[in-house]
Amino acid sequence: MRLTATMSDNPDISEVTSFDKSKLKKTEMQEKNPLPSKETIEQEKAATS
């Protein structure tokens, strides 16, 4: 018994190729979870030891 995939092997990309990027709004990116700086990591290492 062969299970059939729910997606087609040959997807229809006509909508993607005709997409108008100029209709998109510009957004400002903001880092929600920034990584700590090297200095912060060194301070925390020094505080725990």
Protein backbone atom coordinates (compact mmCIF):
# COMPACT_ATOMS: atom_id res chain seq x y z
CA MET A 1 0.00 0.00 0.00
CA ARG A 2 1.47 3.31 -1.11
CA LEU A 3 0.60 6.45 0.82
CA THR A 4 -0.09 9.43 -1.42
CA ALA A 5 1.44 12.76 -0.55
CA THR A 6 -0.93 15.61 0.23
CA MET A 7 1.17 18.01 -1.86
CA SER A 8 1.66 17.64 -5.57
CA ASP A 9 5.03 16.56 -6.91
CA ASN A 10 4.76 19.44 -9.41
CA PRO A 11 3.44 22.45 -7.43
CA ASP A 12 1.75 25.29 -9.26
CA ILE A 13 4.05 28.30 -8.89
CA SER A 14 2.22 30.65 -11.27
CA GLU A 15 0.95 32.73 -8.31
CA VAL A 16 4.50 33.06 -6.98
CA THR A 17 6.03 34.15 -10.28
CA SER A 18 3.35 36.83 -10.81
CA PHE A 19 3.59 38.21 -7.25
CA ASP A 20 3.99 42.00 -7.07
CA LYS A 21 6.63 42.86 -4.45
CA SER A 22 5.79 46.58 -4.61
CA LYS A 23 2.55 45.88 -2.71
CA LEU A 24 4.50 44.78 0.37
CA LYS A 25 4.92 47.19 3.27
CA LYS A 26 8.36 48.07 4.58
CA THR A 27 8.97 46.94 8.16
CA GLU A 28 11.63 47.74 10.72
CA MET A 29 13.43 44.69 12.06
CA GLN A 30 14.02 44.53 15.80
CA GLU A 31 16.03 41.84 17.55
CA LYS A 32 13.73 40.41 20.22
CA ASN A 33 16.31 38.21 21.91
CA PRO A 34 19.78 39.65 21.24
CA LEU A 35 22.78 37.58 22.21
CA PRO A 36 24.87 38.89 25.11
CA SER A 37 28.12 40.66 24.27
CA LYS A 38 31.48 39.02 24.90
CA GLU A 39 32.01 41.39 27.85
CA THR A 40 28.71 40.35 29.46
CA ILE A 41 29.60 36.67 29.12
CA GLU A 42 33.04 37.25 30.69
CA GLN A 43 31.44 39.17 33.60
CA GLU A 44 28.96 36.36 34.26
CA LYS A 45 31.72 33.73 34.10
CA ALA A 46 33.78 35.73 36.61
CA ALA A 47 30.78 36.18 38.94
CA THR A 48 29.95 32.45 39.05
CA SER A 49 33.46 31.20 39.73
